[in-house]
N, C-alpha and C. Protein backbone atom coordinates (compact mmCIF):
# COMPACT_ATOMS: atom_id res chain seq x y z
N MET A 1 143.66 146.21 276.00
CA MET A 1 144.27 147.09 274.99
C MET A 1 143.76 146.74 273.60
N GLN A 2 143.70 147.75 272.76
CA GLN A 2 143.23 147.55 271.40
C GLN A 2 144.20 146.69 270.60
N THR A 3 143.66 145.85 269.73
CA THR A 3 144.48 145.04 268.84
C THR A 3 144.33 145.54 267.42
N HIS A 4 145.47 145.78 266.76
CA HIS A 4 145.48 146.21 265.37
C HIS A 4 145.84 145.02 264.49
N ALA A 5 145.02 144.74 263.47
CA ALA A 5 145.25 143.61 262.58
C ALA A 5 145.74 144.10 261.23
N ALA A 6 146.83 143.49 260.75
CA ALA A 6 147.40 143.82 259.44
C ALA A 6 147.52 142.54 258.63
N ALA A 7 147.49 142.68 257.30
CA ALA A 7 147.58 141.50 256.44
C ALA A 7 148.12 141.89 255.08
N CYS A 8 148.64 140.89 254.36
CA CYS A 8 149.09 141.10 252.99
C CYS A 8 147.87 141.20 252.07
N SER A 9 148.10 141.38 250.77
CA SER A 9 146.99 141.57 249.83
C SER A 9 146.08 140.35 249.75
N CYS A 10 146.67 139.15 249.81
CA CYS A 10 145.84 137.95 249.69
C CYS A 10 145.35 137.44 251.04
N GLY A 11 145.82 138.01 252.13
CA GLY A 11 145.36 137.66 253.46
C GLY A 11 146.04 136.46 254.09
N GLN A 12 147.04 135.89 253.41
CA GLN A 12 147.72 134.71 253.91
C GLN A 12 148.67 135.03 255.06
N LEU A 13 149.36 136.17 254.98
CA LEU A 13 150.34 136.58 255.98
C LEU A 13 149.74 137.68 256.85
N MET A 14 149.70 137.46 258.15
CA MET A 14 148.97 138.36 259.03
C MET A 14 149.81 138.77 260.24
N VAL A 15 149.47 139.92 260.80
CA VAL A 15 150.09 140.45 262.01
C VAL A 15 149.00 140.97 262.93
N GLU A 16 149.12 140.69 264.21
CA GLU A 16 148.28 141.31 265.23
C GLU A 16 149.19 142.05 266.20
N ALA A 17 148.95 143.33 266.36
CA ALA A 17 149.75 144.17 267.26
C ALA A 17 148.83 144.75 268.33
N THR A 18 149.22 144.58 269.58
CA THR A 18 148.39 145.01 270.70
C THR A 18 148.88 146.35 271.24
N GLY A 19 147.93 147.23 271.53
CA GLY A 19 148.26 148.53 272.11
C GLY A 19 148.66 149.54 271.07
N ASP A 20 149.08 150.71 271.55
CA ASP A 20 149.47 151.80 270.65
C ASP A 20 150.88 151.58 270.12
N PRO A 21 151.14 151.99 268.87
CA PRO A 21 152.51 151.93 268.36
C PRO A 21 153.40 152.91 269.11
N VAL A 22 154.69 152.58 269.21
CA VAL A 22 155.62 153.50 269.87
C VAL A 22 156.10 154.57 268.89
N ARG A 23 155.92 154.33 267.61
CA ARG A 23 156.30 155.31 266.60
C ARG A 23 155.59 155.00 265.30
N VAL A 24 155.06 156.04 264.66
CA VAL A 24 154.50 155.93 263.31
C VAL A 24 155.26 156.92 262.44
N SER A 25 155.86 156.45 261.37
CA SER A 25 156.76 157.32 260.60
C SER A 25 156.53 157.18 259.10
N VAL A 26 157.03 158.18 258.39
CA VAL A 26 157.07 158.19 256.93
C VAL A 26 158.54 158.28 256.53
N CYS A 27 158.94 157.46 255.55
CA CYS A 27 160.31 157.48 255.07
C CYS A 27 160.32 157.78 253.58
N HIS A 28 161.08 158.82 253.20
CA HIS A 28 161.17 159.24 251.81
C HIS A 28 162.38 158.68 251.09
N CYS A 29 163.14 157.77 251.71
CA CYS A 29 164.37 157.29 251.07
C CYS A 29 164.04 156.54 249.78
N LEU A 30 165.02 156.48 248.89
CA LEU A 30 164.81 155.83 247.59
C LEU A 30 164.55 154.34 247.75
N ALA A 31 165.17 153.71 248.75
CA ALA A 31 164.94 152.28 248.97
C ALA A 31 163.49 152.01 249.33
N CYS A 32 162.89 152.85 250.16
CA CYS A 32 161.48 152.67 250.52
C CYS A 32 160.58 152.95 249.32
N GLN A 33 160.96 153.90 248.50
CA GLN A 33 160.18 154.16 247.29
C GLN A 33 160.18 152.95 246.37
N ARG A 34 161.34 152.35 246.20
CA ARG A 34 161.41 151.15 245.34
C ARG A 34 160.66 149.97 245.98
N ARG A 35 160.80 149.84 247.28
CA ARG A 35 160.17 148.70 247.97
C ARG A 35 158.66 148.76 247.89
N THR A 36 158.10 149.95 248.06
CA THR A 36 156.64 150.09 248.11
C THR A 36 156.02 150.39 246.75
N GLY A 37 156.83 150.90 245.81
CA GLY A 37 156.26 151.34 244.55
C GLY A 37 155.52 152.65 244.67
N SER A 38 155.69 153.32 245.80
CA SER A 38 155.03 154.59 246.07
C SER A 38 156.10 155.67 246.24
N ALA A 39 155.67 156.88 246.59
CA ALA A 39 156.61 157.98 246.77
C ALA A 39 157.29 157.94 248.13
N PHE A 40 156.79 157.11 249.04
CA PHE A 40 157.39 156.98 250.37
C PHE A 40 156.88 155.71 251.02
N GLY A 41 157.54 155.30 252.08
CA GLY A 41 157.06 154.20 252.91
C GLY A 41 156.47 154.74 254.20
N ALA A 42 155.49 154.05 254.75
CA ALA A 42 154.91 154.43 256.03
C ALA A 42 154.80 153.18 256.89
N GLN A 43 155.18 153.30 258.17
CA GLN A 43 155.22 152.14 259.03
C GLN A 43 154.95 152.51 260.49
N ALA A 44 154.45 151.54 261.23
CA ALA A 44 154.19 151.71 262.66
C ALA A 44 155.02 150.70 263.42
N ARG A 45 155.76 151.16 264.42
CA ARG A 45 156.63 150.27 265.20
C ARG A 45 155.98 149.90 266.53
N PHE A 46 156.08 148.62 266.84
CA PHE A 46 155.55 148.07 268.09
C PHE A 46 156.64 147.26 268.79
N PRO A 47 156.64 147.19 270.12
CA PRO A 47 157.53 146.27 270.81
C PRO A 47 157.25 144.83 270.36
N ALA A 48 158.29 144.06 270.15
CA ALA A 48 158.12 142.71 269.60
C ALA A 48 157.23 141.84 270.48
N GLU A 49 157.25 142.06 271.79
CA GLU A 49 156.45 141.22 272.67
C GLU A 49 154.95 141.48 272.52
N ARG A 50 154.59 142.57 271.83
CA ARG A 50 153.17 142.87 271.60
C ARG A 50 152.73 142.57 270.17
N VAL A 51 153.54 141.80 269.44
CA VAL A 51 153.24 141.48 268.05
C VAL A 51 153.17 139.97 267.87
N ARG A 52 152.12 139.51 267.18
CA ARG A 52 151.99 138.09 266.84
C ARG A 52 151.80 137.97 265.33
N THR A 53 152.58 137.09 264.70
CA THR A 53 152.50 136.91 263.26
C THR A 53 152.01 135.50 262.94
N SER A 54 151.39 135.35 261.77
CA SER A 54 150.94 134.04 261.32
C SER A 54 151.00 134.00 259.79
N GLY A 55 151.17 132.81 259.26
CA GLY A 55 151.27 132.65 257.82
C GLY A 55 152.71 132.46 257.37
N ARG A 56 152.88 132.21 256.09
CA ARG A 56 154.20 131.99 255.51
C ARG A 56 154.81 133.31 255.06
N ALA A 57 156.09 133.51 255.39
CA ALA A 57 156.77 134.75 255.02
C ALA A 57 158.11 134.43 254.36
N THR A 58 158.45 135.19 253.34
CA THR A 58 159.77 135.15 252.73
C THR A 58 160.52 136.39 253.18
N GLU A 59 161.83 136.25 253.37
CA GLU A 59 162.64 137.35 253.92
C GLU A 59 163.59 137.91 252.88
N TYR A 60 163.65 139.23 252.84
CA TYR A 60 164.63 139.92 252.01
C TYR A 60 165.48 140.80 252.93
N VAL A 61 166.80 140.68 252.83
CA VAL A 61 167.72 141.42 253.70
C VAL A 61 168.53 142.40 252.86
N ARG A 62 168.60 143.63 253.32
CA ARG A 62 169.45 144.62 252.68
C ARG A 62 170.09 145.49 253.76
N ARG A 63 171.19 146.13 253.39
CA ARG A 63 171.84 147.07 254.29
C ARG A 63 171.65 148.48 253.75
N ALA A 64 171.38 149.40 254.66
CA ALA A 64 171.16 150.80 254.25
C ALA A 64 172.42 151.35 253.59
N ASP A 65 172.22 152.16 252.56
CA ASP A 65 173.36 152.71 251.83
C ASP A 65 174.18 153.69 252.66
N ASP A 66 173.52 154.41 253.57
CA ASP A 66 174.23 155.47 254.29
C ASP A 66 174.92 154.98 255.56
N ASP A 67 174.24 154.13 256.34
CA ASP A 67 174.81 153.73 257.63
C ASP A 67 175.12 152.23 257.72
N GLY A 68 174.76 151.47 256.70
CA GLY A 68 175.06 150.04 256.70
C GLY A 68 174.21 149.20 257.62
N ILE A 69 173.19 149.79 258.25
CA ILE A 69 172.35 149.05 259.18
C ILE A 69 171.48 148.05 258.41
N GLU A 70 171.38 146.86 258.96
CA GLU A 70 170.65 145.78 258.30
C GLU A 70 169.14 145.95 258.47
N ARG A 71 168.41 145.71 257.39
CA ARG A 71 166.95 145.69 257.41
C ARG A 71 166.50 144.30 256.94
N ARG A 72 165.55 143.72 257.65
CA ARG A 72 165.01 142.41 257.27
C ARG A 72 163.52 142.55 256.99
N PHE A 73 163.16 142.44 255.73
CA PHE A 73 161.77 142.62 255.29
C PHE A 73 161.09 141.26 255.13
N ARG A 74 159.88 141.13 255.67
CA ARG A 74 159.10 139.91 255.52
C ARG A 74 157.91 140.18 254.61
N PHE A 75 157.84 139.39 253.55
CA PHE A 75 156.76 139.60 252.59
C PHE A 75 156.09 138.27 252.27
N CYS A 76 154.87 138.35 251.73
CA CYS A 76 154.10 137.16 251.39
C CYS A 76 154.66 136.54 250.12
N PRO A 77 154.97 135.24 250.12
CA PRO A 77 155.50 134.60 248.92
C PRO A 77 154.44 134.41 247.83
N ASP A 78 153.17 134.62 248.17
CA ASP A 78 152.10 134.44 247.19
C ASP A 78 151.76 135.74 246.46
N CYS A 79 151.50 136.81 247.23
CA CYS A 79 151.10 138.07 246.60
C CYS A 79 152.20 139.11 246.58
N GLY A 80 153.28 138.90 247.34
CA GLY A 80 154.43 139.79 247.31
C GLY A 80 154.36 141.00 248.23
N SER A 81 153.30 141.14 249.01
CA SER A 81 153.17 142.30 249.89
C SER A 81 154.15 142.24 251.06
N THR A 82 154.90 143.32 251.27
CA THR A 82 155.72 143.43 252.48
C THR A 82 154.80 143.81 253.64
N VAL A 83 154.83 143.01 254.69
CA VAL A 83 153.92 143.24 255.82
C VAL A 83 154.66 143.81 257.02
N TRP A 84 155.88 143.33 257.29
CA TRP A 84 156.63 143.90 258.41
C TRP A 84 158.12 143.76 258.15
N PHE A 85 158.90 144.53 258.96
CA PHE A 85 160.35 144.43 258.87
C PHE A 85 160.97 144.77 260.21
N THR A 86 162.24 144.39 260.36
CA THR A 86 163.00 144.72 261.54
C THR A 86 164.30 145.40 261.12
N SER A 87 164.85 146.21 262.02
CA SER A 87 166.09 146.94 261.74
C SER A 87 167.11 146.66 262.84
N GLY A 88 168.37 146.62 262.44
CA GLY A 88 169.42 146.36 263.41
C GLY A 88 169.53 147.43 264.49
N ASP A 89 169.05 148.65 264.19
CA ASP A 89 169.14 149.73 265.18
C ASP A 89 167.89 149.88 266.01
N ASP A 90 166.85 149.09 265.74
CA ASP A 90 165.60 149.13 266.50
C ASP A 90 165.46 147.85 267.30
N ASP A 91 166.31 147.68 268.27
CA ASP A 91 166.33 146.45 269.05
C ASP A 91 165.00 146.23 269.75
N GLY A 92 164.35 145.10 269.47
CA GLY A 92 163.11 144.77 270.15
C GLY A 92 161.87 145.38 269.55
N LEU A 93 161.98 146.03 268.37
CA LEU A 93 160.83 146.64 267.73
C LEU A 93 160.54 145.98 266.39
N ILE A 94 159.27 145.90 266.04
CA ILE A 94 158.84 145.39 264.74
C ILE A 94 158.05 146.49 264.04
N ALA A 95 158.45 146.78 262.81
CA ALA A 95 157.79 147.82 262.02
C ALA A 95 156.80 147.16 261.07
N VAL A 96 155.54 147.54 261.17
CA VAL A 96 154.48 146.97 260.34
C VAL A 96 154.08 148.02 259.30
N ALA A 97 153.98 147.59 258.05
CA ALA A 97 153.59 148.51 256.98
C ALA A 97 152.23 149.13 257.30
N LEU A 98 152.16 150.44 257.25
CA LEU A 98 150.95 151.15 257.67
C LEU A 98 149.75 150.74 256.82
N GLY A 99 149.96 150.62 255.51
CA GLY A 99 148.85 150.27 254.64
C GLY A 99 148.30 148.88 254.88
N ALA A 100 149.12 147.99 255.48
CA ALA A 100 148.67 146.62 255.73
C ALA A 100 147.55 146.57 256.77
N PHE A 101 147.40 147.63 257.55
CA PHE A 101 146.29 147.68 258.51
C PHE A 101 144.96 147.99 257.83
N ALA A 102 145.02 148.61 256.65
CA ALA A 102 143.79 148.97 255.91
C ALA A 102 142.79 149.67 256.83
N ASP A 103 143.31 150.64 257.59
CA ASP A 103 142.50 151.33 258.60
C ASP A 103 142.73 152.83 258.49
N PRO A 104 141.82 153.57 257.86
CA PRO A 104 141.99 155.02 257.73
C PRO A 104 142.03 155.76 259.06
N ASP A 105 141.57 155.11 260.14
CA ASP A 105 141.57 155.75 261.45
C ASP A 105 142.82 155.42 262.26
N PHE A 106 143.78 154.71 261.65
CA PHE A 106 145.01 154.36 262.36
C PHE A 106 145.74 155.64 262.75
N PRO A 107 146.45 155.67 263.89
CA PRO A 107 147.17 156.88 264.31
C PRO A 107 148.09 157.41 263.20
N PRO A 108 148.10 158.71 262.97
CA PRO A 108 148.89 159.28 261.88
C PRO A 108 150.37 159.33 262.21
N PRO A 109 151.23 159.48 261.19
CA PRO A 109 152.66 159.59 261.43
C PRO A 109 153.00 160.84 262.23
N THR A 110 154.05 160.73 263.04
CA THR A 110 154.55 161.88 263.79
C THR A 110 155.96 162.26 263.37
N VAL A 111 156.58 161.43 262.53
CA VAL A 111 157.97 161.64 262.12
C VAL A 111 158.09 161.39 260.63
N ALA A 112 158.88 162.22 259.94
CA ALA A 112 159.23 161.99 258.55
C ALA A 112 160.74 162.04 258.41
N VAL A 113 161.32 161.04 257.73
CA VAL A 113 162.77 160.98 257.57
C VAL A 113 163.15 160.98 256.09
N TYR A 114 164.44 161.28 255.84
CA TYR A 114 164.98 161.42 254.47
C TYR A 114 164.19 162.47 253.68
N GLU A 115 163.99 163.61 254.32
CA GLU A 115 163.22 164.68 253.69
C GLU A 115 163.83 165.14 252.37
N TRP A 116 165.16 165.05 252.24
CA TRP A 116 165.77 165.55 251.01
C TRP A 116 165.46 164.65 249.81
N ARG A 117 164.85 163.48 250.06
CA ARG A 117 164.41 162.60 248.98
C ARG A 117 162.91 162.73 248.71
N ARG A 118 162.26 163.62 249.41
CA ARG A 118 160.80 163.76 249.28
C ARG A 118 160.42 164.31 247.92
N HIS A 119 159.43 163.69 247.29
CA HIS A 119 158.90 164.23 246.04
C HIS A 119 158.27 165.59 246.33
N PRO A 120 158.53 166.59 245.52
CA PRO A 120 158.06 167.94 245.85
C PRO A 120 156.55 168.09 245.92
N TRP A 121 155.82 167.17 245.30
CA TRP A 121 154.36 167.28 245.35
C TRP A 121 153.77 166.66 246.61
N VAL A 122 154.60 165.97 247.40
CA VAL A 122 154.10 165.32 248.61
C VAL A 122 154.00 166.35 249.73
N GLY A 123 152.83 166.51 250.28
CA GLY A 123 152.62 167.43 251.40
C GLY A 123 152.28 166.65 252.67
N LEU A 124 152.85 167.06 253.80
CA LEU A 124 152.59 166.42 255.07
C LEU A 124 152.17 167.48 256.09
N PRO A 125 151.42 167.10 257.12
CA PRO A 125 150.99 168.07 258.13
C PRO A 125 152.18 168.77 258.79
N ASP A 126 151.99 170.00 259.17
CA ASP A 126 153.05 170.77 259.83
C ASP A 126 153.44 170.15 261.18
N SER A 127 152.54 169.35 261.76
CA SER A 127 152.81 168.77 263.07
C SER A 127 153.84 167.65 263.02
N ILE A 128 154.13 167.11 261.84
CA ILE A 128 155.09 166.02 261.72
C ILE A 128 156.50 166.55 261.89
N GLU A 129 157.28 165.86 262.73
CA GLU A 129 158.67 166.24 262.90
C GLU A 129 159.48 165.74 261.72
N ARG A 130 160.27 166.61 261.12
CA ARG A 130 161.04 166.28 259.93
C ARG A 130 162.52 166.26 260.26
N ASP A 131 163.29 165.51 259.46
CA ASP A 131 164.71 165.40 259.74
C ASP A 131 165.55 166.29 258.83
N ASP A 132 164.94 167.31 258.21
CA ASP A 132 165.72 168.19 257.34
C ASP A 132 166.72 169.02 258.15
N LEU A 133 166.50 169.13 259.47
CA LEU A 133 167.48 169.83 260.31
C LEU A 133 168.78 169.03 260.37
N TRP A 134 168.66 167.72 260.54
CA TRP A 134 169.85 166.88 260.59
C TRP A 134 170.59 166.90 259.26
N ALA A 135 169.88 167.08 258.16
CA ALA A 135 170.54 167.12 256.85
C ALA A 135 171.57 168.24 256.78
N GLN A 136 171.38 169.29 257.58
CA GLN A 136 172.35 170.38 257.61
C GLN A 136 173.65 169.99 258.32
N LEU A 137 173.56 169.00 259.19
CA LEU A 137 174.72 168.60 260.00
C LEU A 137 175.36 167.30 259.52
N GLN A 138 174.63 166.52 258.75
CA GLN A 138 175.11 165.20 258.37
C GLN A 138 176.46 165.20 257.66
N PRO A 139 176.73 166.16 256.74
CA PRO A 139 178.06 166.15 256.10
C PRO A 139 179.20 166.29 257.11
N LEU A 140 179.01 167.10 258.15
CA LEU A 140 180.04 167.25 259.18
C LEU A 140 180.21 165.95 259.96
N TYR A 141 179.10 165.32 260.27
CA TYR A 141 179.16 164.04 260.98
C TYR A 141 179.91 163.00 260.16
N GLU A 142 179.56 162.90 258.88
CA GLU A 142 180.19 161.90 258.02
C GLU A 142 181.68 162.19 257.81
N ALA A 143 182.07 163.46 257.93
CA ALA A 143 183.48 163.83 257.80
C ALA A 143 184.25 163.67 259.11
N GLY A 144 183.56 163.27 260.17
CA GLY A 144 184.21 163.11 261.46
C GLY A 144 184.39 164.39 262.23
N GLU A 145 183.73 165.46 261.78
CA GLU A 145 183.84 166.76 262.46
C GLU A 145 182.75 166.84 263.53
N PHE A 146 182.87 166.01 264.54
CA PHE A 146 181.80 165.87 265.52
C PHE A 146 181.61 167.12 266.38
N ALA A 147 182.70 167.76 266.77
CA ALA A 147 182.58 168.95 267.60
C ALA A 147 181.88 170.07 266.86
N GLU A 148 182.25 170.27 265.59
CA GLU A 148 181.61 171.33 264.82
C GLU A 148 180.13 171.00 264.57
N ALA A 149 179.85 169.74 264.29
CA ALA A 149 178.45 169.34 264.11
C ALA A 149 177.65 169.59 265.38
N ALA A 150 178.25 169.30 266.53
CA ALA A 150 177.58 169.53 267.80
C ALA A 150 177.33 171.02 268.03
N ASP A 151 178.33 171.85 267.73
CA ASP A 151 178.17 173.29 267.92
C ASP A 151 177.04 173.84 267.06
N ARG A 152 177.02 173.45 265.80
CA ARG A 152 175.94 173.92 264.92
C ARG A 152 174.60 173.33 265.34
N GLY A 153 174.65 172.09 265.82
CA GLY A 153 173.42 171.46 266.27
C GLY A 153 172.81 172.15 267.46
N ARG A 154 173.63 172.65 268.37
CA ARG A 154 173.10 173.36 269.54
C ARG A 154 172.36 174.62 269.12
N ALA A 155 172.87 175.30 268.09
CA ALA A 155 172.18 176.48 267.59
C ALA A 155 170.82 176.12 267.01
N LEU A 156 170.76 174.98 266.31
CA LEU A 156 169.48 174.53 265.76
C LEU A 156 168.52 174.11 266.86
N ILE A 157 169.06 173.51 267.93
CA ILE A 157 168.21 173.12 269.06
C ILE A 157 167.60 174.33 269.72
N ASP A 158 168.36 175.42 269.84
CA ASP A 158 167.82 176.65 270.42
C ASP A 158 166.60 177.14 269.64
N GLU A 159 166.63 176.92 268.31
CA GLU A 159 165.52 177.35 267.47
C GLU A 159 164.41 176.31 267.39
N ASN A 160 164.75 175.04 267.68
CA ASN A 160 163.78 173.93 267.57
C ASN A 160 163.90 173.03 268.81
N PRO A 161 163.54 173.54 269.99
CA PRO A 161 163.81 172.82 271.24
C PRO A 161 163.04 171.51 271.39
N GLU A 162 162.00 171.29 270.60
CA GLU A 162 161.19 170.07 270.73
C GLU A 162 161.53 169.05 269.65
N ALA A 163 162.55 169.29 268.85
CA ALA A 163 162.90 168.39 267.75
C ALA A 163 163.68 167.19 268.30
N SER A 164 162.98 166.13 268.61
CA SER A 164 163.59 164.99 269.31
C SER A 164 164.68 164.31 268.48
N GLN A 165 164.45 164.14 267.19
CA GLN A 165 165.46 163.49 266.35
C GLN A 165 166.74 164.33 266.30
N LEU A 166 166.58 165.65 266.19
CA LEU A 166 167.74 166.53 266.21
C LEU A 166 168.47 166.42 267.53
N LEU A 167 167.75 166.44 268.64
CA LEU A 167 168.36 166.29 269.96
C LEU A 167 169.15 164.99 270.04
N TYR A 168 168.58 163.92 269.54
CA TYR A 168 169.26 162.63 269.59
C TYR A 168 170.55 162.65 268.77
N ASN A 169 170.47 163.16 267.55
CA ASN A 169 171.66 163.17 266.68
C ASN A 169 172.75 164.10 267.22
N VAL A 170 172.37 165.21 267.80
CA VAL A 170 173.36 166.10 268.41
C VAL A 170 174.01 165.41 269.61
N ALA A 171 173.22 164.68 270.38
CA ALA A 171 173.79 163.91 271.50
C ALA A 171 174.84 162.92 271.00
N CYS A 172 174.56 162.29 269.86
CA CYS A 172 175.54 161.35 269.28
C CYS A 172 176.83 162.08 268.91
N CYS A 173 176.71 163.27 268.32
CA CYS A 173 177.90 164.05 267.97
C CYS A 173 178.67 164.47 269.22
N GLU A 174 177.94 164.89 270.25
CA GLU A 174 178.59 165.30 271.49
C GLU A 174 179.30 164.13 272.16
N SER A 175 178.67 162.97 272.09
CA SER A 175 179.31 161.78 272.64
C SER A 175 180.63 161.50 271.93
N ARG A 176 180.61 161.55 270.61
CA ARG A 176 181.83 161.33 269.81
C ARG A 176 182.87 162.41 270.08
N ALA A 177 182.42 163.62 270.39
CA ALA A 177 183.33 164.73 270.61
C ALA A 177 183.85 164.80 272.05
N GLY A 178 183.43 163.87 272.89
CA GLY A 178 183.90 163.85 274.27
C GLY A 178 183.15 164.78 275.20
N ARG A 179 181.97 165.22 274.81
CA ARG A 179 181.17 166.12 275.64
C ARG A 179 180.08 165.30 276.33
N ALA A 180 180.46 164.52 277.29
CA ALA A 180 179.57 163.53 277.88
C ALA A 180 178.35 164.16 278.55
N ASP A 181 178.56 165.21 279.34
CA ASP A 181 177.43 165.81 280.06
C ASP A 181 176.38 166.36 279.10
N ASP A 182 176.85 167.06 278.06
CA ASP A 182 175.90 167.59 277.08
C ASP A 182 175.18 166.47 276.35
N ALA A 183 175.91 165.40 276.02
CA ALA A 183 175.31 164.27 275.31
C ALA A 183 174.21 163.63 276.13
N VAL A 184 174.46 163.43 277.42
CA VAL A 184 173.45 162.81 278.29
C VAL A 184 172.22 163.70 278.39
N GLU A 185 172.41 164.99 278.54
CA GLU A 185 171.27 165.91 278.69
C GLU A 185 170.43 165.94 277.42
N HIS A 186 171.07 166.04 276.27
CA HIS A 186 170.31 166.08 275.02
C HIS A 186 169.65 164.74 274.73
N LEU A 187 170.30 163.65 275.10
CA LEU A 187 169.69 162.34 274.94
C LEU A 187 168.46 162.22 275.83
N ARG A 188 168.55 162.72 277.05
CA ARG A 188 167.39 162.68 277.95
C ARG A 188 166.21 163.42 277.35
N ARG A 189 166.46 164.61 276.82
CA ARG A 189 165.39 165.39 276.22
C ARG A 189 164.82 164.70 274.99
N ALA A 190 165.69 164.04 274.21
CA ALA A 190 165.22 163.33 273.02
C ALA A 190 164.27 162.18 273.41
N ILE A 191 164.66 161.41 274.42
CA ILE A 191 163.84 160.28 274.85
C ILE A 191 162.54 160.75 275.47
N ASP A 192 162.58 161.86 276.19
CA ASP A 192 161.35 162.42 276.75
C ASP A 192 160.36 162.77 275.64
N GLY A 193 160.88 163.19 274.49
CA GLY A 193 160.02 163.56 273.38
C GLY A 193 159.55 162.37 272.56
N MET A 194 160.40 161.36 272.41
CA MET A 194 160.07 160.18 271.60
C MET A 194 160.60 158.94 272.32
N GLU A 195 159.70 158.18 272.90
CA GLU A 195 160.07 157.03 273.72
C GLU A 195 160.86 155.98 272.93
N TYR A 196 160.57 155.82 271.64
CA TYR A 196 161.24 154.76 270.88
C TYR A 196 162.76 154.97 270.82
N LEU A 197 163.22 156.21 271.04
CA LEU A 197 164.66 156.48 270.99
C LEU A 197 165.41 155.80 272.12
N ARG A 198 164.71 155.39 273.16
CA ARG A 198 165.35 154.69 274.28
C ARG A 198 165.99 153.39 273.79
N ALA A 199 165.23 152.60 273.01
CA ALA A 199 165.76 151.33 272.50
C ALA A 199 166.87 151.58 271.48
N LEU A 200 166.71 152.62 270.68
CA LEU A 200 167.73 152.94 269.69
C LEU A 200 169.05 153.29 270.37
N ALA A 201 168.98 154.08 271.43
CA ALA A 201 170.19 154.53 272.13
C ALA A 201 170.96 153.37 272.75
N ALA A 202 170.24 152.36 273.19
CA ALA A 202 170.88 151.25 273.91
C ALA A 202 171.95 150.56 273.08
N GLY A 203 171.77 150.52 271.76
CA GLY A 203 172.74 149.83 270.93
C GLY A 203 173.48 150.70 269.94
N ASP A 204 173.40 152.01 270.11
CA ASP A 204 174.00 152.94 269.14
C ASP A 204 175.50 153.10 269.41
N ASP A 205 176.31 152.79 268.41
CA ASP A 205 177.76 152.90 268.57
C ASP A 205 178.21 154.34 268.83
N ASP A 206 177.47 155.31 268.33
CA ASP A 206 177.84 156.71 268.56
C ASP A 206 177.81 157.06 270.05
N LEU A 207 177.02 156.32 270.81
CA LEU A 207 176.87 156.62 272.23
C LEU A 207 177.76 155.73 273.11
N ALA A 208 178.60 154.91 272.48
CA ALA A 208 179.49 154.03 273.24
C ALA A 208 180.38 154.79 274.23
N PRO A 209 180.88 156.00 273.90
CA PRO A 209 181.73 156.72 274.86
C PRO A 209 181.04 157.09 276.16
N ILE A 210 179.72 157.13 276.19
CA ILE A 210 179.02 157.49 277.43
C ILE A 210 178.26 156.31 278.02
N ARG A 211 178.43 155.13 277.46
CA ARG A 211 177.63 153.98 277.86
C ARG A 211 177.87 153.56 279.30
N SER A 212 179.06 153.81 279.83
CA SER A 212 179.38 153.39 281.20
C SER A 212 178.85 154.35 282.25
N ARG A 213 178.36 155.50 281.83
CA ARG A 213 177.86 156.48 282.80
C ARG A 213 176.54 156.01 283.41
N PRO A 214 176.36 156.17 284.72
CA PRO A 214 175.10 155.75 285.36
C PRO A 214 173.89 156.45 284.76
N GLU A 215 174.05 157.72 284.38
CA GLU A 215 172.92 158.46 283.81
C GLU A 215 172.47 157.83 282.50
N PHE A 216 173.43 157.37 281.70
CA PHE A 216 173.07 156.72 280.44
C PHE A 216 172.34 155.41 280.70
N ARG A 217 172.86 154.60 281.62
CA ARG A 217 172.23 153.31 281.92
C ARG A 217 170.81 153.51 282.41
N GLN A 218 170.59 154.58 283.16
CA GLN A 218 169.23 154.86 283.62
C GLN A 218 168.33 155.26 282.47
N LEU A 219 168.86 156.04 281.53
CA LEU A 219 168.06 156.49 280.40
C LEU A 219 167.61 155.35 279.50
N VAL A 220 168.45 154.34 279.32
CA VAL A 220 168.10 153.27 278.39
C VAL A 220 167.44 152.09 279.08
N ALA A 221 167.14 152.25 280.36
CA ALA A 221 166.40 151.20 281.05
C ALA A 221 165.03 151.05 280.42
N ASN A 222 164.39 149.92 280.64
CA ASN A 222 163.07 149.67 280.08
C ASN A 222 162.08 150.73 280.53
N ALA A 223 161.08 150.96 279.73
CA ALA A 223 160.09 152.00 280.01
C ALA A 223 159.43 151.77 281.37
N GLU A 224 159.24 150.50 281.73
CA GLU A 224 158.59 150.21 283.01
C GLU A 224 159.44 150.67 284.19
N GLN A 225 160.75 150.81 283.94
CA GLN A 225 161.66 151.18 285.03
C GLN A 225 161.94 152.68 285.03
N LYS A 226 161.34 153.40 284.09
CA LYS A 226 161.59 154.85 284.00
C LYS A 226 161.05 155.54 285.24
N PRO A 227 161.84 156.39 285.89
CA PRO A 227 161.38 157.05 287.11
C PRO A 227 160.17 157.94 286.83
């Protein structure tokens, strides 16, 4: 398998990741803008067992403003470059800063998140899946109106049947609303579209109401065990 090498600006802190990333994404959130000094952050996620790091790293920990999930950023204490980070909701995955690979031929992003924070001059390919659909439902979710969010989400799914992030978030709403069968089906479709969602689902509190179902346990099994 191909090995991708990433490094900080001075080359002291390094990462080697083997094989293809499970997800390459762009994040427009304000925290990523401040962290990178750019208009967005870009990162590639790999299973931790396929990542090897070397060099000295300093850690900065913050919790997301919206969901409180912990992020642990590792940066070089000499030049200050953030090279990789881990998230509490990405169990077993390591996100490596895309620019640290210094490789224009690296696989392009397939997902963009926090679209409502995107600078208007930033343009991305139409092929990238965006989370602006979820932005229409998020206020209902945050208000605890899970059934209504699920109902509106199903209408959006009919119009965007391949939107894996939308499918996943609607499954979470359905789980909270007690619609177990619908939640399992939409979760299955989400994972079929984006494999990295399998690890995310395994520890997601929104899916706790369906965690005991055999169908759920099968869905979150390791990729090697996928039928």
